[in-house]
Amino acid sequence: MRKLILIFTLLPGLAMANPPMHDQPPHGEFGKPPMHHLVGDGDQLPPLLYNIGLSEDQQREIKNLFKAQQGAISDKFDKERAIKEQLHRLSFSDDYSEDKAKTLIEQSLEIHKDIALQKNRLDNAIFKLLNAEQRDKLKAGMDKIGH
């Protein structure tokens, strides 16, 4: 019984004893996995861009690119979520038809394609801001995590 009490008293301390290292990206916000922070929300860059030697001008430009894209992508996510909710409601209604379901699915796929294309444009715009050495470091980091 004493061991259980000791374990339960030390467990919260162990959970909190993992601060980020000085050269690593910050841990995730409460309720979000570490790599799922919203880039552009604050002053954070994507984790892969942390250790490639970005200048302050490059960091500022990348953050501006994220801020410019964030609103449009967020709106598209909201539209896609609304369509998926409609599809879910349609599945459990007397008004169901495959034609209606296919129409909603096509709308969702079109929005998903737009989001993917917009993200790819953003990735390419960021890539074009980097010099050759930074591009090599970025590619090495991507290979390391399997991207």
N, C-alpha and C. Protein backbone atom coordinates (compact mmCIF):
# COMPACT_ATOMS: atom_id res chain seq x y z
N MET A 1 0.82 -1.19 0.00
CA MET A 1 0.00 0.00 0.00
C MET A 1 0.87 1.26 0.00
N ARG A 2 1.96 1.22 0.75
CA ARG A 2 2.85 2.38 0.80
C ARG A 2 3.45 2.67 -0.57
N LYS A 3 3.78 1.59 -1.29
CA LYS A 3 4.35 1.78 -2.62
C LYS A 3 3.36 2.45 -3.56
N LEU A 4 2.11 2.05 -3.48
CA LEU A 4 1.09 2.67 -4.33
C LEU A 4 0.92 4.14 -4.01
N ILE A 5 0.91 4.47 -2.74
CA ILE A 5 0.77 5.87 -2.34
C ILE A 5 1.97 6.67 -2.84
N LEU A 6 3.16 6.11 -2.70
CA LEU A 6 4.37 6.77 -3.18
C LEU A 6 4.32 6.97 -4.70
N ILE A 7 3.90 5.95 -5.42
CA ILE A 7 3.81 6.05 -6.88
C ILE A 7 2.82 7.13 -7.28
N PHE A 8 1.66 7.15 -6.66
CA PHE A 8 0.64 8.14 -7.04
C PHE A 8 1.03 9.55 -6.64
N THR A 9 1.85 9.72 -5.62
CA THR A 9 2.29 11.07 -5.27
C THR A 9 3.41 11.55 -6.18
N LEU A 10 4.24 10.63 -6.67
CA LEU A 10 5.35 11.02 -7.54
C LEU A 10 4.95 11.12 -9.01
N LEU A 11 3.89 10.46 -9.40
CA LEU A 11 3.48 10.43 -10.80
C LEU A 11 3.24 11.81 -11.40
N PRO A 12 2.53 12.73 -10.75
CA PRO A 12 2.35 14.06 -11.35
C PRO A 12 3.67 14.81 -11.54
N GLY A 13 4.58 14.65 -10.60
CA GLY A 13 5.88 15.31 -10.73
C GLY A 13 6.67 14.76 -11.90
N LEU A 14 6.60 13.46 -12.11
CA LEU A 14 7.29 12.86 -13.25
C LEU A 14 6.68 13.32 -14.57
N ALA A 15 5.39 13.46 -14.59
CA ALA A 15 4.72 13.91 -15.82
C ALA A 15 5.12 15.33 -16.18
N MET A 16 5.38 16.16 -15.19
CA MET A 16 5.71 17.56 -15.43
C MET A 16 7.22 17.78 -15.60
N ALA A 17 8.02 16.75 -15.40
CA ALA A 17 9.48 16.91 -15.39
C ALA A 17 10.10 16.75 -16.77
N ASN A 18 9.43 17.16 -17.79
CA ASN A 18 9.96 17.02 -19.14
C ASN A 18 9.94 18.38 -19.84
N PRO A 19 10.75 19.33 -19.38
CA PRO A 19 10.75 20.64 -20.02
C PRO A 19 11.41 20.56 -21.39
N PRO A 20 11.04 21.46 -22.32
CA PRO A 20 11.69 21.44 -23.62
C PRO A 20 13.14 21.90 -23.51
N MET A 21 13.99 21.34 -24.33
CA MET A 21 15.39 21.75 -24.36
C MET A 21 15.49 23.09 -25.06
N HIS A 22 16.59 23.81 -24.85
CA HIS A 22 16.71 25.16 -25.39
C HIS A 22 16.70 25.20 -26.91
N ASP A 23 17.13 24.14 -27.57
CA ASP A 23 17.18 24.15 -29.03
C ASP A 23 16.04 23.37 -29.68
N GLN A 24 15.05 22.98 -28.89
CA GLN A 24 13.93 22.21 -29.39
C GLN A 24 12.66 23.05 -29.42
N PRO A 25 11.70 22.69 -30.28
CA PRO A 25 10.44 23.43 -30.30
C PRO A 25 9.69 23.22 -28.99
N PRO A 26 8.82 24.14 -28.63
CA PRO A 26 8.08 23.99 -27.38
C PRO A 26 7.13 22.80 -27.43
N HIS A 27 6.80 22.27 -26.25
CA HIS A 27 5.84 21.18 -26.17
C HIS A 27 4.48 21.69 -26.59
N GLY A 28 3.58 20.77 -26.89
CA GLY A 28 2.24 21.13 -27.32
C GLY A 28 1.47 21.87 -26.24
N GLU A 29 0.48 22.62 -26.70
CA GLU A 29 -0.39 23.31 -25.77
C GLU A 29 -1.25 22.28 -25.06
N PHE A 30 -1.89 22.67 -23.98
CA PHE A 30 -2.72 21.75 -23.23
C PHE A 30 -3.80 21.17 -24.14
N GLY A 31 -3.92 19.88 -24.14
CA GLY A 31 -4.94 19.22 -24.92
C GLY A 31 -4.55 18.93 -26.36
N LYS A 32 -3.34 19.32 -26.77
CA LYS A 32 -2.90 19.08 -28.14
C LYS A 32 -1.60 18.29 -28.12
N PRO A 33 -1.43 17.35 -29.04
CA PRO A 33 -0.15 16.67 -29.13
C PRO A 33 0.96 17.66 -29.46
N PRO A 34 2.21 17.36 -29.13
CA PRO A 34 3.30 18.31 -29.29
C PRO A 34 3.48 18.87 -30.69
N MET A 35 3.28 18.09 -31.71
CA MET A 35 3.52 18.56 -33.07
C MET A 35 2.27 19.14 -33.72
N HIS A 36 1.18 19.25 -32.98
CA HIS A 36 -0.07 19.71 -33.58
C HIS A 36 -0.41 21.13 -33.18
N HIS A 37 0.58 21.95 -32.88
CA HIS A 37 0.28 23.34 -32.59
C HIS A 37 -0.10 24.03 -33.89
N LEU A 38 -0.86 25.09 -33.77
CA LEU A 38 -1.24 25.83 -34.97
C LEU A 38 -0.13 26.81 -35.30
N VAL A 39 0.53 26.58 -36.39
CA VAL A 39 1.59 27.48 -36.82
C VAL A 39 0.93 28.78 -37.24
N GLY A 40 1.52 29.88 -36.86
CA GLY A 40 0.94 31.17 -37.18
C GLY A 40 0.10 31.72 -36.05
N ASP A 41 -0.25 30.86 -35.07
CA ASP A 41 -1.02 31.32 -33.93
C ASP A 41 -0.25 32.35 -33.13
N GLY A 42 1.00 32.06 -32.89
CA GLY A 42 1.82 32.95 -32.09
C GLY A 42 3.11 33.23 -32.80
N ASP A 43 4.18 33.00 -32.08
CA ASP A 43 5.50 33.27 -32.65
C ASP A 43 6.24 31.99 -32.98
N GLN A 44 5.52 30.90 -33.22
CA GLN A 44 6.16 29.62 -33.43
C GLN A 44 6.32 29.30 -34.91
N LEU A 45 7.40 28.61 -35.19
CA LEU A 45 7.64 28.09 -36.52
C LEU A 45 7.41 26.58 -36.48
N PRO A 46 7.22 25.95 -37.64
CA PRO A 46 7.11 24.50 -37.64
C PRO A 46 8.39 23.87 -37.09
N PRO A 47 8.29 22.74 -36.40
CA PRO A 47 9.46 22.12 -35.77
C PRO A 47 10.63 21.87 -36.71
N LEU A 48 10.36 21.53 -37.96
CA LEU A 48 11.46 21.26 -38.90
C LEU A 48 12.27 22.50 -39.25
N LEU A 49 11.73 23.69 -39.01
CA LEU A 49 12.43 24.92 -39.37
C LEU A 49 13.24 25.50 -38.21
N TYR A 50 13.22 24.84 -37.06
CA TYR A 50 13.89 25.39 -35.88
C TYR A 50 15.40 25.42 -35.98
N ASN A 51 16.00 24.35 -36.43
CA ASN A 51 17.46 24.22 -36.35
C ASN A 51 18.15 24.28 -37.71
N ILE A 52 17.60 25.07 -38.63
CA ILE A 52 18.24 25.14 -39.95
C ILE A 52 18.92 26.49 -40.17
N GLY A 53 18.96 27.33 -39.15
CA GLY A 53 19.69 28.59 -39.23
C GLY A 53 18.97 29.69 -39.98
N LEU A 54 17.69 29.87 -39.71
CA LEU A 54 16.93 30.94 -40.36
C LEU A 54 17.34 32.30 -39.82
N SER A 55 17.44 33.27 -40.71
CA SER A 55 17.70 34.65 -40.27
C SER A 55 16.39 35.23 -39.73
N GLU A 56 16.49 36.36 -39.07
CA GLU A 56 15.29 37.00 -38.54
C GLU A 56 14.36 37.42 -39.66
N ASP A 57 14.93 37.88 -40.78
CA ASP A 57 14.10 38.27 -41.93
C ASP A 57 13.35 37.06 -42.49
N GLN A 58 14.03 35.93 -42.58
CA GLN A 58 13.38 34.71 -43.08
C GLN A 58 12.27 34.28 -42.13
N GLN A 59 12.55 34.32 -40.82
CA GLN A 59 11.52 33.94 -39.85
C GLN A 59 10.30 34.84 -39.97
N ARG A 60 10.54 36.13 -40.09
CA ARG A 60 9.44 37.08 -40.21
C ARG A 60 8.63 36.82 -41.48
N GLU A 61 9.33 36.58 -42.58
CA GLU A 61 8.64 36.32 -43.85
C GLU A 61 7.82 35.03 -43.79
N ILE A 62 8.37 33.99 -43.17
CA ILE A 62 7.65 32.72 -43.03
C ILE A 62 6.41 32.91 -42.17
N LYS A 63 6.55 33.63 -41.07
CA LYS A 63 5.39 33.88 -40.21
C LYS A 63 4.33 34.69 -40.95
N ASN A 64 4.75 35.63 -41.78
CA ASN A 64 3.79 36.40 -42.58
C ASN A 64 3.06 35.50 -43.59
N LEU A 65 3.79 34.56 -44.18
CA LEU A 65 3.15 33.62 -45.10
C LEU A 65 2.10 32.79 -44.38
N PHE A 66 2.43 32.31 -43.18
CA PHE A 66 1.47 31.53 -42.41
C PHE A 66 0.24 32.35 -42.05
N LYS A 67 0.46 33.57 -41.61
CA LYS A 67 -0.68 34.42 -41.24
C LYS A 67 -1.58 34.70 -42.43
N ALA A 68 -0.98 34.89 -43.61
CA ALA A 68 -1.77 35.15 -44.81
C ALA A 68 -2.61 33.94 -45.20
N GLN A 69 -2.08 32.74 -45.00
CA GLN A 69 -2.78 31.52 -45.41
C GLN A 69 -3.76 31.01 -44.36
N GLN A 70 -3.52 31.33 -43.10
CA GLN A 70 -4.26 30.71 -42.02
C GLN A 70 -5.77 30.96 -42.11
N GLY A 71 -6.17 32.16 -42.42
CA GLY A 71 -7.60 32.46 -42.49
C GLY A 71 -8.31 31.68 -43.57
N ALA A 72 -7.70 31.62 -44.75
CA ALA A 72 -8.32 30.90 -45.87
C ALA A 72 -8.41 29.40 -45.58
N ILE A 73 -7.35 28.84 -45.05
CA ILE A 73 -7.36 27.40 -44.75
C ILE A 73 -8.35 27.10 -43.64
N SER A 74 -8.40 27.95 -42.63
CA SER A 74 -9.34 27.75 -41.53
C SER A 74 -10.78 27.79 -42.02
N ASP A 75 -11.09 28.72 -42.92
CA ASP A 75 -12.44 28.79 -43.49
C ASP A 75 -12.78 27.52 -44.25
N LYS A 76 -11.82 27.00 -44.99
CA LYS A 76 -12.07 25.77 -45.75
C LYS A 76 -12.27 24.57 -44.83
N PHE A 77 -11.50 24.51 -43.74
CA PHE A 77 -11.71 23.44 -42.76
C PHE A 77 -13.11 23.52 -42.17
N ASP A 78 -13.57 24.74 -41.88
CA ASP A 78 -14.91 24.91 -41.33
C ASP A 78 -15.98 24.45 -42.32
N LYS A 79 -15.81 24.79 -43.60
CA LYS A 79 -16.76 24.35 -44.62
C LYS A 79 -16.76 22.83 -44.75
N GLU A 80 -15.56 22.25 -44.74
CA GLU A 80 -15.47 20.79 -44.86
C GLU A 80 -16.13 20.10 -43.67
N ARG A 81 -15.90 20.63 -42.48
CA ARG A 81 -16.50 20.07 -41.28
C ARG A 81 -18.03 20.15 -41.36
N ALA A 82 -18.56 21.28 -41.85
CA ALA A 82 -20.01 21.45 -41.97
C ALA A 82 -20.59 20.44 -42.97
N ILE A 83 -19.88 20.22 -44.07
CA ILE A 83 -20.35 19.24 -45.06
C ILE A 83 -20.35 17.84 -44.47
N LYS A 84 -19.32 17.51 -43.71
CA LYS A 84 -19.27 16.18 -43.09
C LYS A 84 -20.40 16.00 -42.08
N GLU A 85 -20.74 17.07 -41.36
CA GLU A 85 -21.88 17.00 -40.44
C GLU A 85 -23.18 16.79 -41.20
N GLN A 86 -23.34 17.47 -42.34
CA GLN A 86 -24.53 17.28 -43.17
C GLN A 86 -24.61 15.83 -43.66
N LEU A 87 -23.48 15.30 -44.07
CA LEU A 87 -23.43 13.92 -44.55
C LEU A 87 -23.81 12.95 -43.43
N HIS A 88 -23.31 13.22 -42.24
CA HIS A 88 -23.63 12.36 -41.09
C HIS A 88 -25.13 12.42 -40.80
N ARG A 89 -25.69 13.64 -40.80
CA ARG A 89 -27.13 13.79 -40.54
C ARG A 89 -27.95 13.11 -41.64
N LEU A 90 -27.49 13.22 -42.88
CA LEU A 90 -28.19 12.60 -44.00
C LEU A 90 -28.23 11.08 -43.83
N SER A 91 -27.15 10.50 -43.34
CA SER A 91 -27.07 9.05 -43.16
C SER A 91 -28.15 8.54 -42.22
N PHE A 92 -28.55 9.37 -41.27
CA PHE A 92 -29.53 8.95 -40.27
C PHE A 92 -30.86 9.69 -40.44
N SER A 93 -31.23 9.93 -41.69
CA SER A 93 -32.51 10.60 -41.93
C SER A 93 -33.34 9.78 -42.92
N ASP A 94 -34.63 10.08 -42.94
CA ASP A 94 -35.53 9.42 -43.89
C ASP A 94 -35.35 9.98 -45.29
N ASP A 95 -34.66 11.10 -45.40
CA ASP A 95 -34.47 11.78 -46.68
C ASP A 95 -33.22 11.29 -47.41
N TYR A 96 -32.61 10.20 -46.95
CA TYR A 96 -31.35 9.72 -47.51
C TYR A 96 -31.51 9.30 -48.97
N SER A 97 -30.54 9.68 -49.77
CA SER A 97 -30.40 9.14 -51.12
C SER A 97 -28.91 9.13 -51.46
N GLU A 98 -28.53 8.18 -52.27
CA GLU A 98 -27.11 8.09 -52.62
C GLU A 98 -26.66 9.28 -53.43
N ASP A 99 -27.55 9.85 -54.23
CA ASP A 99 -27.19 11.03 -55.01
C ASP A 99 -26.84 12.20 -54.10
N LYS A 100 -27.64 12.41 -53.06
CA LYS A 100 -27.34 13.49 -52.10
C LYS A 100 -26.03 13.22 -51.39
N ALA A 101 -25.82 11.97 -50.99
CA ALA A 101 -24.58 11.61 -50.30
C ALA A 101 -23.37 11.81 -51.21
N LYS A 102 -23.49 11.39 -52.47
CA LYS A 102 -22.38 11.57 -53.42
C LYS A 102 -22.08 13.04 -53.65
N THR A 103 -23.12 13.87 -53.72
CA THR A 103 -22.93 15.30 -53.91
C THR A 103 -22.15 15.90 -52.74
N LEU A 104 -22.55 15.53 -51.52
CA LEU A 104 -21.85 16.05 -50.33
C LEU A 104 -20.41 15.54 -50.28
N ILE A 105 -20.21 14.29 -50.63
CA ILE A 105 -18.85 13.72 -50.63
C ILE A 105 -17.98 14.43 -51.66
N GLU A 106 -18.53 14.69 -52.84
CA GLU A 106 -17.77 15.41 -53.87
C GLU A 106 -17.40 16.82 -53.40
N GLN A 107 -18.33 17.49 -52.73
CA GLN A 107 -18.04 18.83 -52.20
C GLN A 107 -16.91 18.76 -51.17
N SER A 108 -16.97 17.76 -50.30
CA SER A 108 -15.94 17.59 -49.28
C SER A 108 -14.58 17.30 -49.92
N LEU A 109 -14.58 16.44 -50.92
CA LEU A 109 -13.32 16.12 -51.61
C LEU A 109 -12.74 17.33 -52.32
N GLU A 110 -13.58 18.15 -52.92
CA GLU A 110 -13.11 19.35 -53.61
C GLU A 110 -12.45 20.31 -52.62
N ILE A 111 -13.07 20.49 -51.47
CA ILE A 111 -12.49 21.37 -50.45
C ILE A 111 -11.17 20.78 -49.94
N HIS A 112 -11.15 19.46 -49.74
CA HIS A 112 -9.94 18.80 -49.27
C HIS A 112 -8.80 18.98 -50.28
N LYS A 113 -9.11 18.88 -51.56
CA LYS A 113 -8.10 19.10 -52.61
C LYS A 113 -7.57 20.54 -52.55
N ASP A 114 -8.49 21.50 -52.37
CA ASP A 114 -8.07 22.90 -52.28
C ASP A 114 -7.15 23.14 -51.10
N ILE A 115 -7.47 22.53 -49.96
CA ILE A 115 -6.64 22.68 -48.76
C ILE A 115 -5.25 22.09 -49.01
N ALA A 116 -5.20 20.89 -49.59
CA ALA A 116 -3.91 20.25 -49.86
C ALA A 116 -3.08 21.09 -50.83
N LEU A 117 -3.72 21.63 -51.85
CA LEU A 117 -3.00 22.46 -52.82
C LEU A 117 -2.49 23.74 -52.17
N GLN A 118 -3.31 24.34 -51.33
CA GLN A 118 -2.90 25.57 -50.65
C GLN A 118 -1.72 25.30 -49.71
N LYS A 119 -1.76 24.17 -49.00
CA LYS A 119 -0.64 23.82 -48.12
C LYS A 119 0.63 23.57 -48.93
N ASN A 120 0.50 22.92 -50.09
CA ASN A 120 1.67 22.68 -50.93
C ASN A 120 2.25 23.98 -51.46
N ARG A 121 1.40 24.92 -51.82
CA ARG A 121 1.89 26.23 -52.27
C ARG A 121 2.66 26.92 -51.14
N LEU A 122 2.12 26.83 -49.93
CA LEU A 122 2.78 27.44 -48.78
C LEU A 122 4.13 26.78 -48.53
N ASP A 123 4.17 25.45 -48.55
CA ASP A 123 5.44 24.74 -48.36
C ASP A 123 6.47 25.16 -49.40
N ASN A 124 6.03 25.29 -50.65
CA ASN A 124 6.95 25.68 -51.71
C ASN A 124 7.42 27.12 -51.54
N ALA A 125 6.53 28.01 -51.12
CA ALA A 125 6.93 29.40 -50.89
C ALA A 125 7.97 29.49 -49.78
N ILE A 126 7.80 28.68 -48.74
CA ILE A 126 8.78 28.65 -47.65
C ILE A 126 10.10 28.08 -48.17
N PHE A 127 10.02 26.99 -48.93
CA PHE A 127 11.22 26.36 -49.47
C PHE A 127 12.02 27.34 -50.33
N LYS A 128 11.33 28.17 -51.09
CA LYS A 128 12.01 29.13 -51.97
C LYS A 128 12.69 30.25 -51.19
N LEU A 129 12.29 30.46 -49.93
CA LEU A 129 12.93 31.48 -49.09
C LEU A 129 14.27 31.00 -48.53
N LEU A 130 14.51 29.70 -48.55
CA LEU A 130 15.71 29.12 -47.93
C LEU A 130 16.89 29.14 -48.89
N ASN A 131 18.09 29.26 -48.31
CA ASN A 131 19.30 29.13 -49.14
C ASN A 131 19.64 27.64 -49.28
N ALA A 132 20.66 27.33 -50.05
CA ALA A 132 21.00 25.93 -50.36
C ALA A 132 21.33 25.13 -49.10
N GLU A 133 22.09 25.72 -48.19
CA GLU A 133 22.45 25.01 -46.95
C GLU A 133 21.22 24.72 -46.10
N GLN A 134 20.33 25.70 -46.00
CA GLN A 134 19.11 25.51 -45.22
C GLN A 134 18.21 24.46 -45.86
N ARG A 135 18.15 24.44 -47.18
CA ARG A 135 17.35 23.43 -47.88
C ARG A 135 17.88 22.03 -47.59
N ASP A 136 19.21 21.88 -47.59
CA ASP A 136 19.81 20.58 -47.30
C ASP A 136 19.48 20.14 -45.87
N LYS A 137 19.58 21.08 -44.92
CA LYS A 137 19.26 20.75 -43.53
C LYS A 137 17.78 20.37 -43.39
N LEU A 138 16.91 21.09 -44.08
CA LEU A 138 15.48 20.79 -44.03
C LEU A 138 15.21 19.40 -44.60
N LYS A 139 15.81 19.09 -45.74
CA LYS A 139 15.62 17.77 -46.36
C LYS A 139 16.15 16.66 -45.45
N ALA A 140 17.28 16.91 -44.79
CA ALA A 140 17.84 15.91 -43.86
C ALA A 140 16.89 15.70 -42.68
N GLY A 141 16.32 16.78 -42.17
CA GLY A 141 15.35 16.66 -41.08
C GLY A 141 14.10 15.92 -41.50
N MET A 142 13.65 16.16 -42.72
CA MET A 142 12.47 15.47 -43.23
C MET A 142 12.76 13.98 -43.42
N ASP A 143 13.95 13.66 -43.93
CA ASP A 143 14.32 12.26 -44.09
C ASP A 143 14.40 11.56 -42.74
N LYS A 144 14.88 12.29 -41.74
CA LYS A 144 15.04 11.72 -40.40
C LYS A 144 13.70 11.29 -39.80
N ILE A 145 12.65 12.09 -40.06
CA ILE A 145 11.34 11.75 -39.48
C ILE A 145 10.44 11.02 -40.47
N GLY A 146 10.95 10.79 -41.68
CA GLY A 146 10.21 9.99 -42.64
C GLY A 146 9.20 10.74 -43.48
N HIS A 147 9.43 12.03 -43.71
CA HIS A 147 8.51 12.80 -44.57
C HIS A 147 8.92 12.67 -46.00
